[in-house]
Amino acid sequence: MNFLLWTAVSFFIIGFSVLALLKRKRNHRMEPTIWFILGTTAWGVTSIMLFAWWFTTI
């Protein structure tokens, strides 16, 4: 297993943990909800790109 796989897996696990923690502590106002959605989307797209990049290198 190479460094790119470890980077992708750790980014996914750490990001998922942070998002779960933020969701638990999130207020129900509009502005934090929008930032939560944007952050979740950015994290998901980046995770997909890292795993796709890893698959192209093997």
PDB file of N, CA and C in Angstrom:
ATOM      1  N   MET A   1       0.856  -1.181   0.000  1.00  0.00           N
ATOM      2  CA  MET A   1       0.000   0.000   0.000  1.00  0.00           C
ATOM      3  C   MET A   1       0.898   1.240   0.000  1.00  0.00           C
ATOM      4  N   ASN A   2       0.550   2.167  -0.852  1.00  0.00           N
ATOM      5  CA  ASN A   2       1.424   3.314  -1.013  1.00  0.00           C
ATOM      6  C   ASN A   2       0.918   4.536  -0.242  1.00  0.00           C
ATOM      7  N   PHE A   3       1.683   5.585  -0.348  1.00  0.00           N
ATOM      8  CA  PHE A   3       1.402   6.810   0.398  1.00  0.00           C
ATOM      9  C   PHE A   3       0.093   7.462  -0.035  1.00  0.00           C
ATOM     10  N   LEU A   4      -0.230   7.398  -1.328  1.00  0.00           N
ATOM     11  CA  LEU A   4      -1.454   8.018  -1.820  1.00  0.00           C
ATOM     12  C   LEU A   4      -2.695   7.337  -1.243  1.00  0.00           C
ATOM     13  N   LEU A   5      -2.662   6.029  -1.108  1.00  0.00           N
ATOM     14  CA  LEU A   5      -3.794   5.320  -0.503  1.00  0.00           C
ATOM     15  C   LEU A   5      -3.954   5.720   0.957  1.00  0.00           C
ATOM     16  N   TRP A   6      -2.855   5.782   1.699  1.00  0.00           N
ATOM     17  CA  TRP A   6      -2.939   6.184   3.104  1.00  0.00           C
ATOM     18  C   TRP A   6      -3.453   7.606   3.239  1.00  0.00           C
ATOM     19  N   THR A   7      -3.049   8.486   2.330  1.00  0.00           N
ATOM     20  CA  THR A   7      -3.535   9.863   2.351  1.00  0.00           C
ATOM     21  C   THR A   7      -5.039   9.903   2.097  1.00  0.00           C
ATOM     22  N   ALA A   8      -5.512   9.156   1.115  1.00  0.00           N
ATOM     23  CA  ALA A   8      -6.937   9.140   0.785  1.00  0.00           C
ATOM     24  C   ALA A   8      -7.767   8.572   1.929  1.00  0.00           C
ATOM     25  N   VAL A   9      -7.312   7.465   2.492  1.00  0.00           N
ATOM     26  CA  VAL A   9      -8.065   6.825   3.579  1.00  0.00           C
ATOM     27  C   VAL A   9      -8.074   7.702   4.833  1.00  0.00           C
ATOM     28  N   SER A  10      -6.934   8.278   5.170  1.00  0.00           N
ATOM     29  CA  SER A  10      -6.899   9.122   6.365  1.00  0.00           C
ATOM     30  C   SER A  10      -7.717  10.402   6.161  1.00  0.00           C
ATOM     31  N   PHE A  11      -7.684  10.987   4.962  1.00  0.00           N
ATOM     32  CA  PHE A  11      -8.502  12.162   4.681  1.00  0.00           C
ATOM     33  C   PHE A  11      -9.980  11.823   4.829  1.00  0.00           C
ATOM     34  N   PHE A  12     -10.389  10.656   4.337  1.00  0.00           N
ATOM     35  CA  PHE A  12     -11.784  10.237   4.430  1.00  0.00           C
ATOM     36  C   PHE A  12     -12.200  10.015   5.886  1.00  0.00           C
ATOM     37  N   ILE A  13     -11.399   9.303   6.648  1.00  0.00           N
ATOM     38  CA  ILE A  13     -11.759   8.979   8.029  1.00  0.00           C
ATOM     39  C   ILE A  13     -11.752  10.225   8.913  1.00  0.00           C
ATOM     40  N   ILE A  14     -10.713  11.035   8.799  1.00  0.00           N
ATOM     41  CA  ILE A  14     -10.640  12.253   9.613  1.00  0.00           C
ATOM     42  C   ILE A  14     -11.755  13.214   9.227  1.00  0.00           C
ATOM     43  N   GLY A  15     -11.983  13.389   7.931  1.00  0.00           N
ATOM     44  CA  GLY A  15     -13.055  14.272   7.471  1.00  0.00           C
ATOM     45  C   GLY A  15     -14.431  13.802   7.917  1.00  0.00           C
ATOM     46  N   PHE A  16     -14.676  12.494   7.841  1.00  0.00           N
ATOM     47  CA  PHE A  16     -15.968  11.963   8.276  1.00  0.00           C
ATOM     48  C   PHE A  16     -16.163  12.174   9.770  1.00  0.00           C
ATOM     49  N   SER A  17     -15.110  11.985  10.549  1.00  0.00           N
ATOM     50  CA  SER A  17     -15.206  12.199  11.997  1.00  0.00           C
ATOM     51  C   SER A  17     -15.488  13.659  12.326  1.00  0.00           C
ATOM     52  N   VAL A  18     -14.799  14.562  11.639  1.00  0.00           N
ATOM     53  CA  VAL A  18     -15.019  15.993  11.873  1.00  0.00           C
ATOM     54  C   VAL A  18     -16.434  16.400  11.480  1.00  0.00           C
ATOM     55  N   LEU A  19     -16.911  15.906  10.345  1.00  0.00           N
ATOM     56  CA  LEU A  19     -18.278  16.245   9.917  1.00  0.00           C
ATOM     57  C   LEU A  19     -19.328  15.690  10.875  1.00  0.00           C
ATOM     58  N   ALA A  20     -19.098  14.496  11.394  1.00  0.00           N
ATOM     59  CA  ALA A  20     -20.033  13.932  12.361  1.00  0.00           C
ATOM     60  C   ALA A  20     -20.054  14.761  13.649  1.00  0.00           C
ATOM     61  N   LEU A  21     -18.888  15.202  14.090  1.00  0.00           N
ATOM     62  CA  LEU A  21     -18.808  16.046  15.278  1.00  0.00           C
ATOM     63  C   LEU A  21     -19.483  17.395  15.043  1.00  0.00           C
ATOM     64  N   LEU A  22     -19.243  17.991  13.878  1.00  0.00           N
ATOM     65  CA  LEU A  22     -19.870  19.279  13.568  1.00  0.00           C
ATOM     66  C   LEU A  22     -21.387  19.159  13.449  1.00  0.00           C
ATOM     67  N   LYS A  23     -21.864  18.053  12.897  1.00  0.00           N
ATOM     68  CA  LYS A  23     -23.304  17.869  12.775  1.00  0.00           C
ATOM     69  C   LYS A  23     -23.949  17.764  14.150  1.00  0.00           C
ATOM     70  N   ARG A  24     -23.267  17.131  15.072  1.00  0.00           N
ATOM     71  CA  ARG A  24     -23.810  16.987  16.412  1.00  0.00           C
ATOM     72  C   ARG A  24     -23.889  18.338  17.136  1.00  0.00           C
ATOM     73  N   LYS A  25     -22.909  19.216  16.879  1.00  0.00           N
ATOM     74  CA  LYS A  25     -22.857  20.498  17.575  1.00  0.00           C
ATOM     75  C   LYS A  25     -23.477  21.648  16.778  1.00  0.00           C
ATOM     76  N   ARG A  26     -24.036  21.379  15.616  1.00  0.00           N
ATOM     77  CA  ARG A  26     -24.516  22.418  14.710  1.00  0.00           C
ATOM     78  C   ARG A  26     -25.769  23.100  15.241  1.00  0.00           C
ATOM     79  N   ASN A  27     -25.796  24.427  15.097  1.00  0.00           N
ATOM     80  CA  ASN A  27     -27.011  25.186  15.408  1.00  0.00           C
ATOM     81  C   ASN A  27     -27.963  25.077  14.221  1.00  0.00           C
ATOM     82  N   HIS A  28     -29.218  25.356  14.446  1.00  0.00           N
ATOM     83  CA  HIS A  28     -30.203  25.227  13.378  1.00  0.00           C
ATOM     84  C   HIS A  28     -30.541  26.576  12.761  1.00  0.00           C
ATOM     85  N   ARG A  29     -29.532  27.429  12.626  1.00  0.00           N
ATOM     86  CA  ARG A  29     -29.724  28.673  11.908  1.00  0.00           C
ATOM     87  C   ARG A  29     -29.347  28.440  10.457  1.00  0.00           C
ATOM     88  N   MET A  30     -29.694  29.398   9.599  1.00  0.00           N
ATOM     89  CA  MET A  30     -29.492  29.206   8.168  1.00  0.00           C
ATOM     90  C   MET A  30     -28.020  29.271   7.753  1.00  0.00           C
ATOM     91  N   GLU A  31     -27.264  30.245   8.242  1.00  0.00           N
ATOM     92  CA  GLU A  31     -25.882  30.411   7.791  1.00  0.00           C
ATOM     93  C   GLU A  31     -25.000  29.205   8.117  1.00  0.00           C
ATOM     94  N   PRO A  32     -25.022  28.670   9.343  1.00  0.00           N
ATOM     95  CA  PRO A  32     -24.196  27.476   9.592  1.00  0.00           C
ATOM     96  C   PRO A  32     -24.628  26.269   8.756  1.00  0.00           C
ATOM     97  N   THR A  33     -25.909  26.175   8.438  1.00  0.00           N
ATOM     98  CA  THR A  33     -26.386  25.060   7.624  1.00  0.00           C
ATOM     99  C   THR A  33     -25.812  25.135   6.218  1.00  0.00           C
ATOM    100  N   ILE A  34     -25.765  26.322   5.651  1.00  0.00           N
ATOM    101  CA  ILE A  34     -25.215  26.478   4.310  1.00  0.00           C
ATOM    102  C   ILE A  34     -23.726  26.123   4.303  1.00  0.00           C
ATOM    103  N   TRP A  35     -22.977  26.605   5.298  1.00  0.00           N
ATOM    104  CA  TRP A  35     -21.549  26.293   5.370  1.00  0.00           C
ATOM    105  C   TRP A  35     -21.321  24.801   5.601  1.00  0.00           C
ATOM    106  N   PHE A  36     -22.207  24.157   6.365  1.00  0.00           N
ATOM    107  CA  PHE A  36     -22.079  22.717   6.590  1.00  0.00           C
ATOM    108  C   PHE A  36     -22.285  21.954   5.276  1.00  0.00           C
ATOM    109  N   ILE A  37     -23.273  22.351   4.500  1.00  0.00           N
ATOM    110  CA  ILE A  37     -23.539  21.693   3.216  1.00  0.00           C
ATOM    111  C   ILE A  37     -22.375  21.906   2.254  1.00  0.00           C
ATOM    112  N   LEU A  38     -21.860  23.135   2.185  1.00  0.00           N
ATOM    113  CA  LEU A  38     -20.729  23.417   1.303  1.00  0.00           C
ATOM    114  C   LEU A  38     -19.478  22.646   1.732  1.00  0.00           C
ATOM    115  N   GLY A  39     -19.226  22.583   3.019  1.00  0.00           N
ATOM    116  CA  GLY A  39     -18.072  21.839   3.518  1.00  0.00           C
ATOM    117  C   GLY A  39     -18.183  20.348   3.260  1.00  0.00           C
ATOM    118  N   THR A  40     -19.377  19.807   3.456  1.00  0.00           N
ATOM    119  CA  THR A  40     -19.607  18.389   3.205  1.00  0.00           C
ATOM    120  C   THR A  40     -19.423  18.064   1.724  1.00  0.00           C
ATOM    121  N   THR A  41     -19.915  18.935   0.867  1.00  0.00           N
ATOM    122  CA  THR A  41     -19.766  18.733  -0.571  1.00  0.00           C
ATOM    123  C   THR A  41     -18.295  18.778  -0.985  1.00  0.00           C
ATOM    124  N   ALA A  42     -17.568  19.753  -0.475  1.00  0.00           N
ATOM    125  CA  ALA A  42     -16.135  19.867  -0.800  1.00  0.00           C
ATOM    126  C   ALA A  42     -15.360  18.652  -0.298  1.00  0.00           C
ATOM    127  N   TRP A  43     -15.691  18.188   0.894  1.00  0.00           N
ATOM    128  CA  TRP A  43     -15.022  17.013   1.449  1.00  0.00           C
ATOM    129  C   TRP A  43     -15.330  15.778   0.596  1.00  0.00           C
ATOM    130  N   GLY A  44     -16.566  15.625   0.186  1.00  0.00           N
ATOM    131  CA  GLY A  44     -16.951  14.469  -0.627  1.00  0.00           C
ATOM    132  C   GLY A  44     -16.286  14.468  -1.990  1.00  0.00           C
ATOM    133  N   VAL A  45     -16.265  15.608  -2.639  1.00  0.00           N
ATOM    134  CA  VAL A  45     -15.631  15.708  -3.955  1.00  0.00           C
ATOM    135  C   VAL A  45     -14.128  15.431  -3.851  1.00  0.00           C
ATOM    136  N   THR A  46     -13.494  15.985  -2.837  1.00  0.00           N
ATOM    137  CA  THR A  46     -12.059  15.760  -2.653  1.00  0.00           C
ATOM    138  C   THR A  46     -11.763  14.288  -2.355  1.00  0.00           C
ATOM    139  N   SER A  47     -12.601  13.656  -1.548  1.00  0.00           N
ATOM    140  CA  SER A  47     -12.411  12.231  -1.256  1.00  0.00           C
ATOM    141  C   SER A  47     -12.544  11.389  -2.517  1.00  0.00           C
ATOM    142  N   ILE A  48     -13.541  11.676  -3.319  1.00  0.00           N
ATOM    143  CA  ILE A  48     -13.738  10.932  -4.565  1.00  0.00           C
ATOM    144  C   ILE A  48     -12.544  11.124  -5.498  1.00  0.00           C
ATOM    145  N   MET A  49     -12.065  12.364  -5.594  1.00  0.00           N
ATOM    146  CA  MET A  49     -10.915  12.635  -6.463  1.00  0.00           C
ATOM    147  C   MET A  49      -9.655  11.915  -5.977  1.00  0.00           C
ATOM    148  N   LEU A  50      -9.430  11.870  -4.665  1.00  0.00           N
ATOM    149  CA  LEU A  50      -8.258  11.170  -4.136  1.00  0.00           C
ATOM    150  C   LEU A  50      -8.321   9.673  -4.427  1.00  0.00           C
ATOM    151  N   PHE A  51      -9.497   9.062  -4.234  1.00  0.00           N
ATOM    152  CA  PHE A  51      -9.610   7.637  -4.508  1.00  0.00           C
ATOM    153  C   PHE A  51      -9.531   7.346  -5.997  1.00  0.00           C
ATOM    154  N   ALA A  52     -10.100   8.200  -6.834  1.00  0.00           N
ATOM    155  CA  ALA A  52      -9.982   8.009  -8.289  1.00  0.00           C
ATOM    156  C   ALA A  52      -8.531   8.136  -8.729  1.00  0.00           C
ATOM    157  N   TRP A  53      -7.811   9.100  -8.151  1.00  0.00           N
ATOM    158  CA  TRP A  53      -6.390   9.272  -8.469  1.00  0.00           C
ATOM    159  C   TRP A  53      -5.598   8.052  -8.049  1.00  0.00           C
ATOM    160  N   TRP A  54      -5.935   7.505  -6.880  1.00  0.00           N
ATOM    161  CA  TRP A  54      -5.235   6.306  -6.415  1.00  0.00           C
ATOM    162  C   TRP A  54      -5.496   5.137  -7.355  1.00  0.00           C
ATOM    163  N   PHE A  55      -6.751   4.969  -7.817  1.00  0.00           N
ATOM    164  CA  PHE A  55      -7.071   3.864  -8.720  1.00  0.00           C
ATOM    165  C   PHE A  55      -6.359   3.996 -10.060  1.00  0.00           C
ATOM    166  N   THR A  56      -6.126   5.222 -10.506  1.00  0.00           N
ATOM    167  CA  THR A  56      -5.421   5.391 -11.781  1.00  0.00           C
ATOM    168  C   THR A  56      -3.924   5.112 -11.656  1.00  0.00           C
ATOM    169  N   THR A  57      -3.397   5.176 -10.435  1.00  0.00           N
ATOM    170  CA  THR A  57      -1.971   4.939 -10.264  1.00  0.00           C
ATOM    171  C   THR A  57      -1.634   3.470 -10.042  1.00  0.00           C
ATOM    172  N   ILE A  58      -2.627   2.638  -9.719  1.00  0.00           N
ATOM    173  CA  ILE A  58      -2.309   1.211  -9.512  1.00  0.00           C
ATOM    174  C   ILE A  58      -2.422   0.437 -10.797  1.00  0.00           C
TER     175      ILE A  58
END
